[in-house]
PDB file of N, CA and C in Angstrom:
ATOM      1  N   MET A   1     -55.124 -56.858-184.531  1.00  0.00           N
ATOM      2  CA  MET A   1     -54.703 -56.140-183.341  1.00  0.00           C
ATOM      3  C   MET A   1     -54.677 -57.071-182.135  1.00  0.00           C
ATOM      4  N   LYS A   2     -55.634 -57.962-182.022  1.00  0.00           N
ATOM      5  CA  LYS A   2     -55.676 -58.862-180.875  1.00  0.00           C
ATOM      6  C   LYS A   2     -54.499 -59.825-180.880  1.00  0.00           C
ATOM      7  N   ASN A   3     -54.081 -60.259-182.061  1.00  0.00           N
ATOM      8  CA  ASN A   3     -52.960 -61.193-182.146  1.00  0.00           C
ATOM      9  C   ASN A   3     -51.674 -60.555-181.631  1.00  0.00           C
ATOM     10  N   SER A   4     -51.455 -59.274-181.924  1.00  0.00           N
ATOM     11  CA  SER A   4     -50.234 -58.614-181.458  1.00  0.00           C
ATOM     12  C   SER A   4     -50.281 -58.429-179.933  1.00  0.00           C
ATOM     13  N   ASN A   5     -51.443 -58.129-179.373  1.00  0.00           N
ATOM     14  CA  ASN A   5     -51.572 -58.018-177.918  1.00  0.00           C
ATOM     15  C   ASN A   5     -51.315 -59.359-177.245  1.00  0.00           C
ATOM     16  N   LEU A   6     -51.798 -60.417-177.852  1.00  0.00           N
ATOM     17  CA  LEU A   6     -51.591 -61.756-177.324  1.00  0.00           C
ATOM     18  C   LEU A   6     -50.103 -62.112-177.341  1.00  0.00           C
ATOM     19  N   ALA A   7     -49.410 -61.759-178.415  1.00  0.00           N
ATOM     20  CA  ALA A   7     -47.977 -62.042-178.525  1.00  0.00           C
ATOM     21  C   ALA A   7     -47.193 -61.266-177.472  1.00  0.00           C
ATOM     22  N   VAL A   8     -47.519 -60.010-177.271  1.00  0.00           N
ATOM     23  CA  VAL A   8     -46.839 -59.188-176.264  1.00  0.00           C
ATOM     24  C   VAL A   8     -47.096 -59.744-174.867  1.00  0.00           C
ATOM     25  N   THR A   9     -48.330 -60.094-174.593  1.00  0.00           N
ATOM     26  CA  THR A   9     -48.675 -60.663-173.286  1.00  0.00           C
ATOM     27  C   THR A   9     -47.930 -61.968-173.038  1.00  0.00           C
ATOM     28  N   ALA A  10     -47.848 -62.805-174.053  1.00  0.00           N
ATOM     29  CA  ALA A  10     -47.131 -64.080-173.926  1.00  0.00           C
ATOM     30  C   ALA A  10     -45.644 -63.839-173.686  1.00  0.00           C
ATOM     31  N   ALA A  11     -45.060 -62.869-174.360  1.00  0.00           N
ATOM     32  CA  ALA A  11     -43.647 -62.558-174.194  1.00  0.00           C
ATOM     33  C   ALA A  11     -43.363 -62.048-172.785  1.00  0.00           C
ATOM     34  N   ILE A  12     -44.187 -61.166-172.287  1.00  0.00           N
ATOM     35  CA  ILE A  12     -44.013 -60.621-170.939  1.00  0.00           C
ATOM     36  C   ILE A  12     -44.171 -61.725-169.898  1.00  0.00           C
ATOM     37  N   THR A  13     -45.140 -62.574-170.071  1.00  0.00           N
ATOM     38  CA  THR A  13     -45.351 -63.688-169.149  1.00  0.00           C
ATOM     39  C   THR A  13     -44.141 -64.616-169.130  1.00  0.00           C
ATOM     40  N   SER A  14     -43.571 -64.883-170.295  1.00  0.00           N
ATOM     41  CA  SER A  14     -42.380 -65.748-170.371  1.00  0.00           C
ATOM     42  C   SER A  14     -41.200 -65.130-169.639  1.00  0.00           C
ATOM     43  N   VAL A  15     -40.990 -63.842-169.830  1.00  0.00           N
ATOM     44  CA  VAL A  15     -39.880 -63.151-169.156  1.00  0.00           C
ATOM     45  C   VAL A  15     -40.073 -63.184-167.646  1.00  0.00           C
ATOM     46  N   LEU A  16     -41.266 -62.924-167.184  1.00  0.00           N
ATOM     47  CA  LEU A  16     -41.533 -62.942-165.750  1.00  0.00           C
ATOM     48  C   LEU A  16     -41.362 -64.340-165.161  1.00  0.00           C
ATOM     49  N   ALA A  17     -41.801 -65.341-165.871  1.00  0.00           N
ATOM     50  CA  ALA A  17     -41.658 -66.719-165.388  1.00  0.00           C
ATOM     51  C   ALA A  17     -40.190 -67.115-165.321  1.00  0.00           C
ATOM     52  N   PHE A  18     -39.413 -66.749-166.328  1.00  0.00           N
ATOM     53  CA  PHE A  18     -37.983 -67.067-166.337  1.00  0.00           C
ATOM     54  C   PHE A  18     -37.279 -66.326-165.208  1.00  0.00           C
ATOM     55  N   GLY A  19     -37.606 -65.056-165.011  1.00  0.00           N
ATOM     56  CA  GLY A  19     -37.000 -64.268-163.934  1.00  0.00           C
ATOM     57  C   GLY A  19     -37.302 -64.857-162.572  1.00  0.00           C
ATOM     58  N   GLY A  20     -38.501 -65.332-162.378  1.00  0.00           N
ATOM     59  CA  GLY A  20     -38.865 -65.968-161.111  1.00  0.00           C
ATOM     60  C   GLY A  20     -38.079 -67.237-160.872  1.00  0.00           C
ATOM     61  N   ALA A  21     -37.848 -67.993-161.923  1.00  0.00           N
ATOM     62  CA  ALA A  21     -37.071 -69.232-161.791  1.00  0.00           C
ATOM     63  C   ALA A  21     -35.632 -68.924-161.425  1.00  0.00           C
ATOM     64  N   VAL A  22     -35.060 -67.881-161.996  1.00  0.00           N
ATOM     65  CA  VAL A  22     -33.681 -67.499-161.684  1.00  0.00           C
ATOM     66  C   VAL A  22     -33.581 -67.020-160.240  1.00  0.00           C
ATOM     67  N   LEU A  23     -34.539 -66.231-159.798  1.00  0.00           N
ATOM     68  CA  LEU A  23     -34.502 -65.706-158.434  1.00  0.00           C
ATOM     69  C   LEU A  23     -34.648 -66.807-157.390  1.00  0.00           C
ATOM     70  N   THR A  24     -35.435 -67.809-157.659  1.00  0.00           N
ATOM     71  CA  THR A  24     -35.620 -68.868-156.673  1.00  0.00           C
ATOM     72  C   THR A  24     -34.454 -69.832-156.645  1.00  0.00           C
ATOM     73  N   SER A  25     -33.668 -69.933-157.709  1.00  0.00           N
ATOM     74  CA  SER A  25     -32.529 -70.843-157.704  1.00  0.00           C
ATOM     75  C   SER A  25     -31.307 -70.224-157.034  1.00  0.00           C
ATOM     76  N   ALA A  26     -31.208 -68.903-156.959  1.00  0.00           N
ATOM     77  CA  ALA A  26     -30.045 -68.251-156.363  1.00  0.00           C
ATOM     78  C   ALA A  26     -29.855 -68.624-154.891  1.00  0.00           C
ATOM     79  N   PRO A  27     -30.883 -68.582-154.025  1.00  0.00           N
ATOM     80  CA  PRO A  27     -30.661 -68.976-152.638  1.00  0.00           C
ATOM     81  C   PRO A  27     -30.235 -70.440-152.488  1.00  0.00           C
ATOM     82  N   ALA A  28     -30.732 -71.305-153.336  1.00  0.00           N
ATOM     83  CA  ALA A  28     -30.340 -72.712-153.259  1.00  0.00           C
ATOM     84  C   ALA A  28     -28.866 -72.871-153.581  1.00  0.00           C
ATOM     85  N   GLU A  29     -28.374 -72.122-154.557  1.00  0.00           N
ATOM     86  CA  GLU A  29     -26.961 -72.185-154.901  1.00  0.00           C
ATOM     87  C   GLU A  29     -26.112 -71.633-153.766  1.00  0.00           C
ATOM     88  N   ALA A  30     -26.535 -70.545-153.143  1.00  0.00           N
ATOM     89  CA  ALA A  30     -25.774 -69.954-152.048  1.00  0.00           C
ATOM     90  C   ALA A  30     -25.719 -70.899-150.852  1.00  0.00           C
ATOM     91  N   ALA A  31     -26.785 -71.627-150.610  1.00  0.00           N
ATOM     92  CA  ALA A  31     -26.827 -72.547-149.479  1.00  0.00           C
ATOM     93  C   ALA A  31     -25.910 -73.739-149.699  1.00  0.00           C
ATOM     94  N   ALA A  32     -25.562 -74.023-150.928  1.00  0.00           N
ATOM     95  CA  ALA A  32     -24.721 -75.179-151.234  1.00  0.00           C
ATOM     96  C   ALA A  32     -23.237 -74.826-151.230  1.00  0.00           C
ATOM     97  N   LYS A  33     -22.878 -73.704-150.624  1.00  0.00           N
ATOM     98  CA  LYS A  33     -21.481 -73.267-150.563  1.00  0.00           C
ATOM     99  C   LYS A  33     -21.100 -72.981-149.113  1.00  0.00           C
ATOM    100  N   GLU A  34     -19.800 -72.973-148.851  1.00  0.00           N
ATOM    101  CA  GLU A  34     -19.318 -72.660-147.506  1.00  0.00           C
ATOM    102  C   GLU A  34     -17.972 -71.964-147.589  1.00  0.00           C
ATOM    103  N   LYS A  35     -17.628 -71.241-146.528  1.00  0.00           N
ATOM    104  CA  LYS A  35     -16.327 -70.594-146.430  1.00  0.00           C
ATOM    105  C   LYS A  35     -15.311 -71.646-146.007  1.00  0.00           C
ATOM    106  N   CYS A  36     -14.178 -71.659-146.702  1.00  0.00           N
ATOM    107  CA  CYS A  36     -13.115 -72.607-146.373  1.00  0.00           C
ATOM    108  C   CYS A  36     -11.857 -71.811-146.021  1.00  0.00           C
ATOM    109  N   TYR A  37     -11.469 -71.878-144.753  1.00  0.00           N
ATOM    110  CA  TYR A  37     -10.323 -71.135-144.242  1.00  0.00           C
ATOM    111  C   TYR A  37      -9.040 -71.943-144.372  1.00  0.00           C
ATOM    112  N   GLY A  38      -7.934 -71.238-144.559  1.00  0.00           N
ATOM    113  CA  GLY A  38      -6.624 -71.869-144.538  1.00  0.00           C
ATOM    114  C   GLY A  38      -6.167 -72.497-145.833  1.00  0.00           C
ATOM    115  N   VAL A  39      -6.864 -72.268-146.924  1.00  0.00           N
ATOM    116  CA  VAL A  39      -6.464 -72.890-148.185  1.00  0.00           C
ATOM    117  C   VAL A  39      -6.216 -71.888-149.315  1.00  0.00           C
ATOM    118  N   SER A  40      -6.477 -70.609-149.078  1.00  0.00           N
ATOM    119  CA  SER A  40      -6.310 -69.640-150.167  1.00  0.00           C
ATOM    120  C   SER A  40      -4.836 -69.305-150.384  1.00  0.00           C
ATOM    121  N   LYS A  41      -4.515 -68.979-151.594  1.00  0.00           N
ATOM    122  CA  LYS A  41      -3.173 -68.528-151.937  1.00  0.00           C
ATOM    123  C   LYS A  41      -3.069 -67.039-151.649  1.00  0.00           C
ATOM    124  N   ALA A  42      -1.862 -66.554-151.464  1.00  0.00           N
ATOM    125  CA  ALA A  42      -1.644 -65.129-151.209  1.00  0.00           C
ATOM    126  C   ALA A  42      -2.297 -64.304-152.318  1.00  0.00           C
ATOM    127  N   GLY A  43      -3.076 -63.319-151.912  1.00  0.00           N
ATOM    128  CA  GLY A  43      -3.736 -62.447-152.873  1.00  0.00           C
ATOM    129  C   GLY A  43      -4.944 -63.043-153.558  1.00  0.00           C
ATOM    130  N   LYS A  44      -5.425 -64.206-153.124  1.00  0.00           N
ATOM    131  CA  LYS A  44      -6.560 -64.858-153.787  1.00  0.00           C
ATOM    132  C   LYS A  44      -7.717 -65.156-152.840  1.00  0.00           C
ATOM    133  N   ASN A  45      -7.739 -64.545-151.645  1.00  0.00           N
ATOM    134  CA  ASN A  45      -8.846 -64.770-150.722  1.00  0.00           C
ATOM    135  C   ASN A  45     -10.113 -64.084-151.223  1.00  0.00           C
ATOM    136  N   ASP A  46     -11.273 -64.553-150.746  1.00  0.00           N
ATOM    137  CA  ASP A  46     -12.551 -64.039-151.243  1.00  0.00           C
ATOM    138  C   ASP A  46     -13.073 -62.795-150.529  1.00  0.00           C
ATOM    139  N   CYS A  47     -12.621 -62.528-149.314  1.00  0.00           N
ATOM    140  CA  CYS A  47     -13.167 -61.380-148.591  1.00  0.00           C
ATOM    141  C   CYS A  47     -12.165 -60.893-147.562  1.00  0.00           C
ATOM    142  N   ALA A  48     -12.538 -59.851-146.844  1.00  0.00           N
ATOM    143  CA  ALA A  48     -11.662 -59.284-145.827  1.00  0.00           C
ATOM    144  C   ALA A  48     -11.379 -60.295-144.718  1.00  0.00           C
ATOM    145  N   THR A  49     -10.235 -60.129-144.075  1.00  0.00           N
ATOM    146  CA  THR A  49      -9.846 -60.990-142.966  1.00  0.00           C
ATOM    147  C   THR A  49      -9.546 -60.116-141.755  1.00  0.00           C
ATOM    148  N   LYS A  50      -9.102 -60.723-140.674  1.00  0.00           N
ATOM    149  CA  LYS A  50      -8.721 -59.955-139.483  1.00  0.00           C
ATOM    150  C   LYS A  50      -7.514 -59.070-139.771  1.00  0.00           C
ATOM    151  N   THR A  51      -6.676 -59.475-140.710  1.00  0.00           N
ATOM    152  CA  THR A  51      -5.432 -58.750-140.976  1.00  0.00           C
ATOM    153  C   THR A  51      -5.393 -58.061-142.339  1.00  0.00           C
ATOM    154  N   SER A  52      -6.437 -58.185-143.149  1.00  0.00           N
ATOM    155  CA  SER A  52      -6.490 -57.485-144.430  1.00  0.00           C
ATOM    156  C   SER A  52      -7.885 -56.911-144.627  1.00  0.00           C
ATOM    157  N   SER A  53      -7.948 -55.833-145.391  1.00  0.00           N
ATOM    158  CA  SER A  53      -9.193 -55.074-145.464  1.00  0.00           C
ATOM    159  C   SER A  53     -10.123 -55.458-146.605  1.00  0.00           C
ATOM    160  N   CYS A  54      -9.692 -56.330-147.484  1.00  0.00           N
ATOM    161  CA  CYS A  54     -10.476 -56.520-148.696  1.00  0.00           C
ATOM    162  C   CYS A  54     -10.132 -57.853-149.352  1.00  0.00           C
ATOM    163  N   ALA A  55     -10.940 -58.251-150.304  1.00  0.00           N
ATOM    164  CA  ALA A  55     -10.672 -59.485-151.053  1.00  0.00           C
ATOM    165  C   ALA A  55      -9.359 -59.351-151.823  1.00  0.00           C
ATOM    166  N   ASP A  56      -8.726 -60.464-152.062  1.00  0.00           N
ATOM    167  CA  ASP A  56      -7.476 -60.526-152.832  1.00  0.00           C
ATOM    168  C   ASP A  56      -6.314 -59.794-152.158  1.00  0.00           C
ATOM    169  N   THR A  57      -6.330 -59.704-150.826  1.00  0.00           N
ATOM    170  CA  THR A  57      -5.243 -59.005-150.138  1.00  0.00           C
ATOM    171  C   THR A  57      -4.544 -59.856-149.083  1.00  0.00           C
ATOM    172  N   ALA A  58      -4.801 -61.142-149.017  1.00  0.00           N
ATOM    173  CA  ALA A  58      -4.108 -62.002-148.052  1.00  0.00           C
ATOM    174  C   ALA A  58      -2.608 -61.939-148.348  1.00  0.00           C
ATOM    175  N   LYS A  59      -1.815 -61.822-147.310  1.00  0.00           N
ATOM    176  CA  LYS A  59      -0.377 -61.619-147.470  1.00  0.00           C
ATOM    177  C   LYS A  59       0.406 -62.915-147.668  1.00  0.00           C
ATOM    178  N   GLU A  60      -0.150 -64.052-147.247  1.00  0.00           N
ATOM    179  CA  GLU A  60       0.581 -65.310-147.350  1.00  0.00           C
ATOM    180  C   GLU A  60      -0.348 -66.449-147.748  1.00  0.00           C
ATOM    181  N   ASP A  61       0.237 -67.504-148.285  1.00  0.00           N
ATOM    182  CA  ASP A  61      -0.527 -68.701-148.631  1.00  0.00           C
ATOM    183  C   ASP A  61      -1.067 -69.366-147.368  1.00  0.00           C
ATOM    184  N   ASN A  62      -2.242 -69.955-147.482  1.00  0.00           N
ATOM    185  CA  ASN A  62      -2.847 -70.771-146.417  1.00  0.00           C
ATOM    186  C   ASN A  62      -2.985 -70.055-145.079  1.00  0.00           C
ATOM    187  N   HIS A  63      -3.233 -68.767-145.111  1.00  0.00           N
ATOM    188  CA  HIS A  63      -3.417 -68.015-143.868  1.00  0.00           C
ATOM    189  C   HIS A  63      -4.687 -68.484-143.172  1.00  0.00           C
ATOM    190  N   SER A  64      -4.628 -68.676-141.873  1.00  0.00           N
ATOM    191  CA  SER A  64      -5.729 -69.318-141.141  1.00  0.00           C
ATOM    192  C   SER A  64      -7.018 -68.510-141.083  1.00  0.00           C
ATOM    193  N   ASP A  65      -6.965 -67.178-141.307  1.00  0.00           N
ATOM    194  CA  ASP A  65      -8.221 -66.421-141.271  1.00  0.00           C
ATOM    195  C   ASP A  65      -8.658 -65.935-142.654  1.00  0.00           C
ATOM    196  N   ALA A  66      -7.935 -66.331-143.700  1.00  0.00           N
ATOM    197  CA  ALA A  66      -8.338 -66.003-145.075  1.00  0.00           C
ATOM    198  C   ALA A  66      -9.144 -67.175-145.624  1.00  0.00           C
ATOM    199  N   PHE A  67     -10.218 -66.859-146.339  1.00  0.00           N
ATOM    200  CA  PHE A  67     -11.059 -67.945-146.850  1.00  0.00           C
ATOM    201  C   PHE A  67     -11.378 -67.780-148.326  1.00  0.00           C
ATOM    202  N   VAL A  68     -11.795 -68.870-148.919  1.00  0.00           N
ATOM    203  CA  VAL A  68     -12.388 -68.894-150.254  1.00  0.00           C
ATOM    204  C   VAL A  68     -13.722 -69.627-150.121  1.00  0.00           C
ATOM    205  N   VAL A  69     -14.675 -69.283-150.967  1.00  0.00           N
ATOM    206  CA  VAL A  69     -15.980 -69.940-150.946  1.00  0.00           C
ATOM    207  C   VAL A  69     -15.908 -71.150-151.873  1.00  0.00           C
ATOM    208  N   VAL A  70     -16.282 -72.301-151.346  1.00  0.00           N
ATOM    209  CA  VAL A  70     -16.211 -73.561-152.099  1.00  0.00           C
ATOM    210  C   VAL A  70     -17.553 -74.292-151.984  1.00  0.00           C
ATOM    211  N   PRO A  71     -17.799 -75.257-152.845  1.00  0.00           N
ATOM    212  CA  PRO A  71     -19.017 -76.065-152.710  1.00  0.00           C
ATOM    213  C   PRO A  71     -19.039 -76.778-151.355  1.00  0.00           C
ATOM    214  N   LYS A  72     -20.208 -76.853-150.750  1.00  0.00           N
ATOM    215  CA  LYS A  72     -20.356 -77.457-149.426  1.00  0.00           C
ATOM    216  C   LYS A  72     -19.823 -78.894-149.438  1.00  0.00           C
ATOM    217  N   GLY A  73     -19.004 -79.222-148.438  1.00  0.00           N
ATOM    218  CA  GLY A  73     -18.423 -80.548-148.312  1.00  0.00           C
ATOM    219  C   GLY A  73     -17.015 -80.668-148.873  1.00  0.00           C
ATOM    220  N   LEU A  74     -16.602 -79.733-149.719  1.00  0.00           N
ATOM    221  CA  LEU A  74     -15.273 -79.801-150.325  1.00  0.00           C
ATOM    222  C   LEU A  74     -14.178 -79.386-149.349  1.00  0.00           C
ATOM    223  N   CYS A  75     -14.449 -78.445-148.481  1.00  0.00           N
ATOM    224  CA  CYS A  75     -13.425 -77.903-147.591  1.00  0.00           C
ATOM    225  C   CYS A  75     -12.746 -78.996-146.757  1.00  0.00           C
ATOM    226  N   GLY A  76     -13.499 -79.914-146.226  1.00  0.00           N
ATOM    227  CA  GLY A  76     -12.938 -80.977-145.406  1.00  0.00           C
ATOM    228  C   GLY A  76     -12.012 -81.907-146.173  1.00  0.00           C
ATOM    229  N   GLN A  77     -12.114 -81.887-147.485  1.00  0.00           N
ATOM    230  CA  GLN A  77     -11.270 -82.739-148.317  1.00  0.00           C
ATOM    231  C   GLN A  77      -9.962 -82.054-148.724  1.00  0.00           C
ATOM    232  N   LEU A  78      -9.860 -80.742-148.475  1.00  0.00           N
ATOM    233  CA  LEU A  78      -8.668 -79.992-148.841  1.00  0.00           C
ATOM    234  C   LEU A  78      -7.660 -79.999-147.700  1.00  0.00           C
ATOM    235  N   THR A  79      -6.396 -80.194-148.012  1.00  0.00           N
ATOM    236  CA  THR A  79      -5.346 -80.199-146.988  1.00  0.00           C
ATOM    237  C   THR A  79      -5.293 -78.834-146.318  1.00  0.00           C
ATOM    238  N   GLY A  80      -5.461 -78.821-145.001  1.00  0.00           N
ATOM    239  CA  GLY A  80      -5.435 -77.577-144.237  1.00  0.00           C
ATOM    240  C   GLY A  80      -6.755 -76.840-144.209  1.00  0.00           C
ATOM    241  N   GLY A  81      -7.767 -77.352-144.893  1.00  0.00           N
ATOM    242  CA  GLY A  81      -9.059 -76.677-144.973  1.00  0.00           C
ATOM    243  C   GLY A  81      -9.872 -76.808-143.703  1.00  0.00           C
ATOM    244  N   SER A  82     -10.526 -75.709-143.310  1.00  0.00           N
ATOM    245  CA  SER A  82     -11.377 -75.694-142.133  1.00  0.00           C
ATOM    246  C   SER A  82     -12.551 -74.766-142.390  1.00  0.00           C
ATOM    247  N   THR A  83     -13.707 -75.107-141.875  1.00  0.00           N
ATOM    248  CA  THR A  83     -14.875 -74.241-142.026  1.00  0.00           C
ATOM    249  C   THR A  83     -14.953 -73.201-140.916  1.00  0.00           C
ATOM    250  N   GLN A  84     -13.931 -73.186-140.047  1.00  0.00           N
ATOM    251  CA  GLN A  84     -13.890 -72.204-138.960  1.00  0.00           C
ATOM    252  C   GLN A  84     -12.564 -71.460-138.985  1.00  0.00           C
ATOM    253  N   SER A  85     -12.642 -70.152-138.781  1.00  0.00           N
ATOM    254  CA  SER A  85     -11.444 -69.325-138.747  1.00  0.00           C
ATOM    255  C   SER A  85     -10.658 -69.578-137.467  1.00  0.00           C
ATOM    256  N   SER A  86      -9.348 -69.500-137.567  1.00  0.00           N
ATOM    257  CA  SER A  86      -8.509 -69.684-136.367  1.00  0.00           C
ATOM    258  C   SER A  86      -8.183 -68.367-135.724  1.00  0.00           C
TER     259      SER A  86
END
């Protein structure tokens, strides 16, 4: 009986430890990204803009207030990319 309790306890501890590792890595991943304006294709923007109400609704390519989320530092390397909305 003790061996089965030990196995269950070990399994629960492993799940909790893994879950904690996943939760702590999520903010680090989010911090390593940025909004890049002016580079999305029509209908492929990531979120609402001044002129559209929802993601995937940009009316034209490279619209200055439509953005996509990219790894930090990449936006400046893209033609027309800006980290600030126009």
